[in-house]
Amino acid sequence: MSNETPAPSSTLAATTPTHADPAPLGLAGFALTTLLLSFVNANIIKESGAILVVLGLAAFYGGLAQFIAGVLEWRRGNTFGLMAFCSYGAFWLSYYWIVTHLSAASGDVHQAIGLYLIGWCVITAYLALASLRTNLAVIAVFVLLTVTFLLLAIGAFQNGTPSPDAMTKVGGWFGIVTAAAAFYASAAVVVNAQHKRTVLPLPTLPGS
C-alpha cells in the first residue's frame, strides 16, 4: 500500500465516494456488539444481567447504526457494503427481538436457533468469498465470522448433551477475535482518512 491518502472506501468498496465513508460506523457497531456477546458466549462474563447490555447494543449500535451504514453504502453504489451492513444490522435487530420475546412459555428452541445460526453462516460464507476483493482485515472478519457462526450453530444443536456449552464457548473465543479484526478495519479507515496518510495499513491480496 502506498503512502498516499487512502480512499475512504478502502474497506468495503473500490470506488471513490462522494460522501463520508459509512464503513467505519458499520464495522464499529458490528465489532462492539459482537465483542460483548462473545464475552458472554465464552463464559468470560458470567453476570446474569450481562445479556441486557448486549441487547442494548444489539438494538441501537449493532442493529440500527449498522443498518443505516448499509443504506448509506447503497447511496455510494456499493453492493457489498449494502449487503453486509444491512444484513448484520438486521441480524442484531432480530437477535434483540428473539431474546426479548423468549420466555418459559416458548419451550425448547435450540434446534430453531441452530438453524437460524446455520443460515447466517451460509450468508457469511459467500460474503467471505466476495470480501477477497477488499483487504486482509475485512477478509479476516468474514472468514472468522463464518467459523464463529458454525461453532455457535453446533453448540445450539448440541444443547442438552453432557457438555452443552463447549462449542458455544469456542465460538465465543472466535467471536472475540472476529471483533478485534473488525475494530482494526474500522479504526484504519478513520485514522488514515483523518491523518490523510496510511497510519494503519490495510493490505490486499495479490491481484485484488
C-alpha atoms as a PDB file:
ATOM      1  CA  MET A   1       0.000   0.000   0.000  1.00  0.00           C
ATOM      2  CA  SER A   2       1.375   3.423  -0.940  1.00  0.00           C
ATOM      3  CA  ASN A   3       1.870   6.386   1.414  1.00  0.00           C
ATOM      4  CA  GLU A   4      -0.676   8.414  -0.492  1.00  0.00           C
ATOM      5  CA  THR A   5      -4.028   9.240   1.077  1.00  0.00           C
ATOM      6  CA  PRO A   6      -6.073   6.024   1.012  1.00  0.00           C
ATOM      7  CA  ALA A   7      -9.514   6.105  -0.489  1.00  0.00           C
ATOM      8  CA  PRO A   8     -12.061   6.270   2.347  1.00  0.00           C
ATOM      9  CA  SER A   9     -13.811   3.329   0.702  1.00  0.00           C
ATOM     10  CA  SER A  10     -10.801   1.076   1.186  1.00  0.00           C
ATOM     11  CA  THR A  11     -12.614  -1.348   3.490  1.00  0.00           C
ATOM     12  CA  LEU A  12     -15.687  -2.391   1.553  1.00  0.00           C
ATOM     13  CA  ALA A  13     -15.620  -0.724  -1.850  1.00  0.00           C
ATOM     14  CA  ALA A  14     -13.259   0.058  -4.683  1.00  0.00           C
ATOM     15  CA  THR A  15     -14.967   3.241  -5.869  1.00  0.00           C
ATOM     16  CA  THR A  16     -14.154   6.773  -4.739  1.00  0.00           C
ATOM     17  CA  PRO A  17     -17.065   8.075  -2.636  1.00  0.00           C
ATOM     18  CA  THR A  18     -18.652  11.489  -2.933  1.00  0.00           C
ATOM     19  CA  HIS A  19     -19.712  11.413   0.723  1.00  0.00           C
ATOM     20  CA  ALA A  20     -18.159  10.310   4.007  1.00  0.00           C
ATOM     21  CA  ASP A  21     -17.404   6.599   4.214  1.00  0.00           C
ATOM     22  CA  PRO A  22     -20.028   4.811   6.379  1.00  0.00           C
ATOM     23  CA  ALA A  23     -17.955   1.613   6.627  1.00  0.00           C
ATOM     24  CA  PRO A  24     -16.157   2.523   9.892  1.00  0.00           C
ATOM     25  CA  LEU A  25     -19.512   3.109  11.588  1.00  0.00           C
ATOM     26  CA  GLY A  26     -20.884  -0.226  10.415  1.00  0.00           C
ATOM     27  CA  LEU A  27     -17.713  -2.091  11.355  1.00  0.00           C
ATOM     28  CA  ALA A  28     -17.545  -0.499  14.804  1.00  0.00           C
ATOM     29  CA  GLY A  29     -21.199  -1.240  15.525  1.00  0.00           C
ATOM     30  CA  PHE A  30     -20.651  -4.843  14.492  1.00  0.00           C
ATOM     31  CA  ALA A  31     -17.366  -5.132  16.419  1.00  0.00           C
ATOM     32  CA  LEU A  32     -18.537  -3.805  19.779  1.00  0.00           C
ATOM     33  CA  THR A  33     -21.782  -5.779  19.844  1.00  0.00           C
ATOM     34  CA  THR A  34     -20.007  -8.952  18.747  1.00  0.00           C
ATOM     35  CA  LEU A  35     -17.314  -8.445  21.376  1.00  0.00           C
ATOM     36  CA  LEU A  36     -19.746  -8.198  24.271  1.00  0.00           C
ATOM     37  CA  LEU A  37     -21.868 -11.143  23.186  1.00  0.00           C
ATOM     38  CA  SER A  38     -18.737 -13.211  22.589  1.00  0.00           C
ATOM     39  CA  PHE A  39     -17.512 -12.490  26.121  1.00  0.00           C
ATOM     40  CA  VAL A  40     -20.827 -13.886  27.348  1.00  0.00           C
ATOM     41  CA  ASN A  41     -20.688 -16.894  24.992  1.00  0.00           C
ATOM     42  CA  ALA A  42     -17.108 -17.674  26.038  1.00  0.00           C
ATOM     43  CA  ASN A  43     -18.273 -17.562  29.678  1.00  0.00           C
ATOM     44  CA  ILE A  44     -15.747 -14.841  30.498  1.00  0.00           C
ATOM     45  CA  ILE A  45     -18.532 -12.600  31.790  1.00  0.00           C
ATOM     46  CA  LYS A  46     -20.904 -14.650  33.922  1.00  0.00           C
ATOM     47  CA  GLU A  47     -23.178 -11.919  35.284  1.00  0.00           C
ATOM     48  CA  SER A  48     -26.834 -12.766  34.777  1.00  0.00           C
ATOM     49  CA  GLY A  49     -27.652  -9.238  33.621  1.00  0.00           C
ATOM     50  CA  ALA A  50     -24.857  -9.043  31.028  1.00  0.00           C
ATOM     51  CA  ILE A  51     -27.253 -10.018  28.257  1.00  0.00           C
ATOM     52  CA  LEU A  52     -29.208  -6.799  28.881  1.00  0.00           C
ATOM     53  CA  VAL A  53     -26.114  -4.779  27.974  1.00  0.00           C
ATOM     54  CA  VAL A  54     -25.686  -6.866  24.824  1.00  0.00           C
ATOM     55  CA  LEU A  55     -29.337  -6.309  23.901  1.00  0.00           C
ATOM     56  CA  GLY A  56     -28.960  -2.537  24.250  1.00  0.00           C
ATOM     57  CA  LEU A  57     -26.054  -2.580  21.820  1.00  0.00           C
ATOM     58  CA  ALA A  58     -27.843  -5.047  19.539  1.00  0.00           C
ATOM     59  CA  ALA A  59     -30.798  -2.715  19.180  1.00  0.00           C
ATOM     60  CA  PHE A  60     -29.043   0.599  18.677  1.00  0.00           C
ATOM     61  CA  TYR A  61     -25.385   0.241  17.670  1.00  0.00           C
ATOM     62  CA  GLY A  62     -25.014  -3.209  16.165  1.00  0.00           C
ATOM     63  CA  GLY A  63     -28.551  -3.030  14.774  1.00  0.00           C
ATOM     64  CA  LEU A  64     -29.807   0.455  13.925  1.00  0.00           C
ATOM     65  CA  ALA A  65     -26.468   2.211  13.353  1.00  0.00           C
ATOM     66  CA  GLN A  66     -25.113  -0.647  11.258  1.00  0.00           C
ATOM     67  CA  PHE A  67     -28.281  -0.822   9.184  1.00  0.00           C
ATOM     68  CA  ILE A  68     -28.024   2.917   8.499  1.00  0.00           C
ATOM     69  CA  ALA A  69     -24.418   2.385   7.391  1.00  0.00           C
ATOM     70  CA  GLY A  70     -25.687  -0.198   4.916  1.00  0.00           C
ATOM     71  CA  VAL A  71     -28.253   2.219   3.496  1.00  0.00           C
ATOM     72  CA  LEU A  72     -25.513   4.812   3.070  1.00  0.00           C
ATOM     73  CA  GLU A  73     -23.424   2.242   1.226  1.00  0.00           C
ATOM     74  CA  TRP A  74     -26.365   1.877  -1.178  1.00  0.00           C
ATOM     75  CA  ARG A  75     -26.140   5.611  -1.894  1.00  0.00           C
ATOM     76  CA  ARG A  76     -22.494   5.072  -2.800  1.00  0.00           C
ATOM     77  CA  GLY A  77     -23.301   2.212  -5.170  1.00  0.00           C
ATOM     78  CA  ASN A  78     -21.513  -0.358  -3.006  1.00  0.00           C
ATOM     79  CA  THR A  79     -23.460  -3.624  -3.259  1.00  0.00           C
ATOM     80  CA  PHE A  80     -21.124  -5.496  -0.908  1.00  0.00           C
ATOM     81  CA  GLY A  81     -21.310  -2.836   1.795  1.00  0.00           C
ATOM     82  CA  LEU A  82     -25.097  -2.646   1.430  1.00  0.00           C
ATOM     83  CA  MET A  83     -25.477  -6.411   1.766  1.00  0.00           C
ATOM     84  CA  ALA A  84     -23.055  -6.771   4.663  1.00  0.00           C
ATOM     85  CA  PHE A  85     -24.127  -3.881   6.869  1.00  0.00           C
ATOM     86  CA  CYS A  86     -27.878  -4.148   6.278  1.00  0.00           C
ATOM     87  CA  SER A  87     -27.729  -7.913   6.810  1.00  0.00           C
ATOM     88  CA  TYR A  88     -25.799  -7.810  10.068  1.00  0.00           C
ATOM     89  CA  GLY A  89     -27.753  -4.786  11.241  1.00  0.00           C
ATOM     90  CA  ALA A  90     -30.874  -6.882  10.691  1.00  0.00           C
ATOM     91  CA  PHE A  91     -29.180  -9.825  12.419  1.00  0.00           C
ATOM     92  CA  TRP A  92     -28.650  -7.817  15.581  1.00  0.00           C
ATOM     93  CA  LEU A  93     -32.170  -6.403  15.461  1.00  0.00           C
ATOM     94  CA  SER A  94     -33.568  -9.914  15.041  1.00  0.00           C
ATOM     95  CA  TYR A  95     -31.359 -11.145  17.880  1.00  0.00           C
ATOM     96  CA  TYR A  96     -32.751  -8.397  20.104  1.00  0.00           C
ATOM     97  CA  TRP A  97     -36.311  -9.378  19.152  1.00  0.00           C
ATOM     98  CA  ILE A  98     -35.769 -13.101  19.663  1.00  0.00           C
ATOM     99  CA  VAL A  99     -34.126 -12.813  23.076  1.00  0.00           C
ATOM    100  CA  THR A 100     -36.574 -10.250  24.431  1.00  0.00           C
ATOM    101  CA  HIS A 101     -39.564 -12.346  23.341  1.00  0.00           C
ATOM    102  CA  LEU A 102     -38.364 -15.747  24.515  1.00  0.00           C
ATOM    103  CA  SER A 103     -39.858 -16.895  27.781  1.00  0.00           C
ATOM    104  CA  ALA A 104     -40.508 -20.091  29.704  1.00  0.00           C
ATOM    105  CA  ALA A 105     -43.686 -20.457  27.661  1.00  0.00           C
ATOM    106  CA  SER A 106     -41.650 -20.591  24.439  1.00  0.00           C
ATOM    107  CA  GLY A 107     -40.391 -24.086  25.192  1.00  0.00           C
ATOM    108  CA  ASP A 108     -37.216 -25.590  23.776  1.00  0.00           C
ATOM    109  CA  VAL A 109     -35.991 -23.710  20.688  1.00  0.00           C
ATOM    110  CA  HIS A 110     -32.373 -24.868  20.468  1.00  0.00           C
ATOM    111  CA  GLN A 111     -32.840 -26.579  17.095  1.00  0.00           C
ATOM    112  CA  ALA A 112     -34.543 -23.495  15.649  1.00  0.00           C
ATOM    113  CA  ILE A 113     -31.700 -21.325  16.964  1.00  0.00           C
ATOM    114  CA  GLY A 114     -29.188 -23.744  15.465  1.00  0.00           C
ATOM    115  CA  LEU A 115     -30.856 -23.486  12.061  1.00  0.00           C
ATOM    116  CA  TYR A 116     -31.011 -19.693  12.418  1.00  0.00           C
ATOM    117  CA  LEU A 117     -27.245 -19.618  13.003  1.00  0.00           C
ATOM    118  CA  ILE A 118     -26.559 -22.011  10.115  1.00  0.00           C
ATOM    119  CA  GLY A 119     -28.451 -19.629   7.832  1.00  0.00           C
ATOM    120  CA  TRP A 120     -26.223 -16.761   8.923  1.00  0.00           C
ATOM    121  CA  CYS A 121     -23.187 -18.980   8.446  1.00  0.00           C
ATOM    122  CA  VAL A 122     -24.201 -19.530   4.798  1.00  0.00           C
ATOM    123  CA  ILE A 123     -24.696 -15.792   4.184  1.00  0.00           C
ATOM    124  CA  THR A 124     -21.365 -15.001   5.835  1.00  0.00           C
ATOM    125  CA  ALA A 125     -19.567 -17.684   3.812  1.00  0.00           C
ATOM    126  CA  TYR A 126     -20.484 -16.175   0.452  1.00  0.00           C
ATOM    127  CA  LEU A 127     -19.766 -12.670   1.757  1.00  0.00           C
ATOM    128  CA  ALA A 128     -16.339 -14.011   2.764  1.00  0.00           C
ATOM    129  CA  LEU A 129     -15.839 -15.093  -0.841  1.00  0.00           C
ATOM    130  CA  ALA A 130     -16.832 -11.624  -2.054  1.00  0.00           C
ATOM    131  CA  SER A 131     -14.541  -9.996   0.525  1.00  0.00           C
ATOM    132  CA  LEU A 132     -11.470 -11.405  -1.225  1.00  0.00           C
ATOM    133  CA  ARG A 133     -11.541  -8.279  -3.393  1.00  0.00           C
ATOM    134  CA  THR A 134     -11.290  -5.939  -0.373  1.00  0.00           C
ATOM    135  CA  ASN A 135      -8.416  -6.087   2.130  1.00  0.00           C
ATOM    136  CA  LEU A 136      -6.951  -8.554   4.612  1.00  0.00           C
ATOM    137  CA  ALA A 137      -8.661  -7.021   7.648  1.00  0.00           C
ATOM    138  CA  VAL A 138     -12.124  -7.330   6.118  1.00  0.00           C
ATOM    139  CA  ILE A 139     -11.319 -10.802   4.769  1.00  0.00           C
ATOM    140  CA  ALA A 140     -10.308 -11.847   8.294  1.00  0.00           C
ATOM    141  CA  VAL A 141     -13.604 -10.525   9.678  1.00  0.00           C
ATOM    142  CA  PHE A 142     -15.732 -12.587   7.305  1.00  0.00           C
ATOM    143  CA  VAL A 143     -13.675 -15.779   7.455  1.00  0.00           C
ATOM    144  CA  LEU A 144     -13.578 -15.703  11.265  1.00  0.00           C
ATOM    145  CA  LEU A 145     -17.272 -14.824  11.444  1.00  0.00           C
ATOM    146  CA  THR A 146     -18.146 -17.791   9.230  1.00  0.00           C
ATOM    147  CA  VAL A 147     -16.346 -20.104  11.645  1.00  0.00           C
ATOM    148  CA  THR A 148     -17.958 -18.351  14.620  1.00  0.00           C
ATOM    149  CA  PHE A 149     -21.481 -18.859  13.300  1.00  0.00           C
ATOM    150  CA  LEU A 150     -20.729 -22.512  12.512  1.00  0.00           C
ATOM    151  CA  LEU A 151     -19.418 -23.193  16.014  1.00  0.00           C
ATOM    152  CA  LEU A 152     -22.339 -21.408  17.668  1.00  0.00           C
ATOM    153  CA  ALA A 153     -24.776 -23.355  15.490  1.00  0.00           C
ATOM    154  CA  ILE A 154     -23.185 -26.653  16.510  1.00  0.00           C
ATOM    155  CA  GLY A 155     -23.351 -25.532  20.129  1.00  0.00           C
ATOM    156  CA  ALA A 156     -27.052 -24.756  19.751  1.00  0.00           C
ATOM    157  CA  PHE A 157     -27.802 -28.123  18.140  1.00  0.00           C
ATOM    158  CA  GLN A 158     -25.884 -29.921  20.910  1.00  0.00           C
ATOM    159  CA  ASN A 159     -27.881 -28.287  23.681  1.00  0.00           C
ATOM    160  CA  GLY A 160     -28.736 -30.899  26.299  1.00  0.00           C
ATOM    161  CA  THR A 161     -25.671 -33.102  25.791  1.00  0.00           C
ATOM    162  CA  PRO A 162     -23.261 -33.748  28.693  1.00  0.00           C
ATOM    163  CA  SER A 163     -21.185 -30.757  27.574  1.00  0.00           C
ATOM    164  CA  PRO A 164     -23.735 -28.350  26.097  1.00  0.00           C
ATOM    165  CA  ASP A 165     -21.630 -25.202  26.312  1.00  0.00           C
ATOM    166  CA  ALA A 166     -18.302 -26.419  24.890  1.00  0.00           C
ATOM    167  CA  MET A 167     -18.817 -25.400  21.256  1.00  0.00           C
ATOM    168  CA  THR A 168     -20.566 -22.188  22.263  1.00  0.00           C
ATOM    169  CA  LYS A 169     -17.545 -21.238  24.380  1.00  0.00           C
ATOM    170  CA  VAL A 170     -15.180 -21.928  21.479  1.00  0.00           C
ATOM    171  CA  GLY A 171     -17.464 -19.891  19.228  1.00  0.00           C
ATOM    172  CA  GLY A 172     -17.285 -17.102  21.785  1.00  0.00           C
ATOM    173  CA  TRP A 173     -13.497 -17.028  21.562  1.00  0.00           C
ATOM    174  CA  PHE A 174     -13.653 -16.943  17.758  1.00  0.00           C
ATOM    175  CA  GLY A 175     -16.161 -14.099  18.084  1.00  0.00           C
ATOM    176  CA  ILE A 176     -13.704 -12.113  20.199  1.00  0.00           C
ATOM    177  CA  VAL A 177     -11.015 -12.444  17.524  1.00  0.00           C
ATOM    178  CA  THR A 178     -13.593 -11.523  14.861  1.00  0.00           C
ATOM    179  CA  ALA A 179     -14.491  -8.373  16.777  1.00  0.00           C
ATOM    180  CA  ALA A 180     -10.806  -7.435  17.079  1.00  0.00           C
ATOM    181  CA  ALA A 181     -10.379  -7.694  13.296  1.00  0.00           C
ATOM    182  CA  ALA A 182     -13.486  -5.544  12.744  1.00  0.00           C
ATOM    183  CA  PHE A 183     -12.235  -2.932  15.223  1.00  0.00           C
ATOM    184  CA  TYR A 184      -8.936  -2.742  13.323  1.00  0.00           C
ATOM    185  CA  ALA A 185     -10.655  -2.376   9.949  1.00  0.00           C
ATOM    186  CA  SER A 186     -12.863   0.402  11.330  1.00  0.00           C
ATOM    187  CA  ALA A 187     -10.003   2.212  13.050  1.00  0.00           C
ATOM    188  CA  ALA A 188      -7.757   2.030   9.983  1.00  0.00           C
ATOM    189  CA  VAL A 189     -10.233   3.859   7.751  1.00  0.00           C
ATOM    190  CA  VAL A 190     -10.956   6.584  10.326  1.00  0.00           C
ATOM    191  CA  VAL A 191      -7.330   7.143  11.333  1.00  0.00           C
ATOM    192  CA  ASN A 192      -5.969   7.050   7.778  1.00  0.00           C
ATOM    193  CA  ALA A 193      -8.636   9.412   6.474  1.00  0.00           C
ATOM    194  CA  GLN A 194      -8.127  11.850   9.348  1.00  0.00           C
ATOM    195  CA  HIS A 195      -4.331  11.862   9.003  1.00  0.00           C
ATOM    196  CA  LYS A 196      -4.546  11.854   5.188  1.00  0.00           C
ATOM    197  CA  ARG A 197      -1.909   9.136   5.016  1.00  0.00           C
ATOM    198  CA  THR A 198      -1.546   5.454   5.792  1.00  0.00           C
ATOM    199  CA  VAL A 199      -1.088   5.093   9.539  1.00  0.00           C
ATOM    200  CA  LEU A 200      -2.775   1.723   9.930  1.00  0.00           C
ATOM    201  CA  PRO A 201      -2.150  -0.361   6.791  1.00  0.00           C
ATOM    202  CA  LEU A 202      -4.917  -2.257   5.023  1.00  0.00           C
ATOM    203  CA  PRO A 203      -3.012  -4.630   2.708  1.00  0.00           C
ATOM    204  CA  THR A 204      -4.853  -6.543   0.000  1.00  0.00           C
ATOM    205  CA  LEU A 205      -4.357  -9.961  -1.515  1.00  0.00           C
ATOM    206  CA  PRO A 206      -2.049 -10.058  -4.562  1.00  0.00           C
ATOM    207  CA  GLY A 207      -4.028  -9.330  -7.705  1.00  0.00           C
ATOM    208  CA  SER A 208      -7.071  -7.939  -5.921  1.00  0.00           C
END
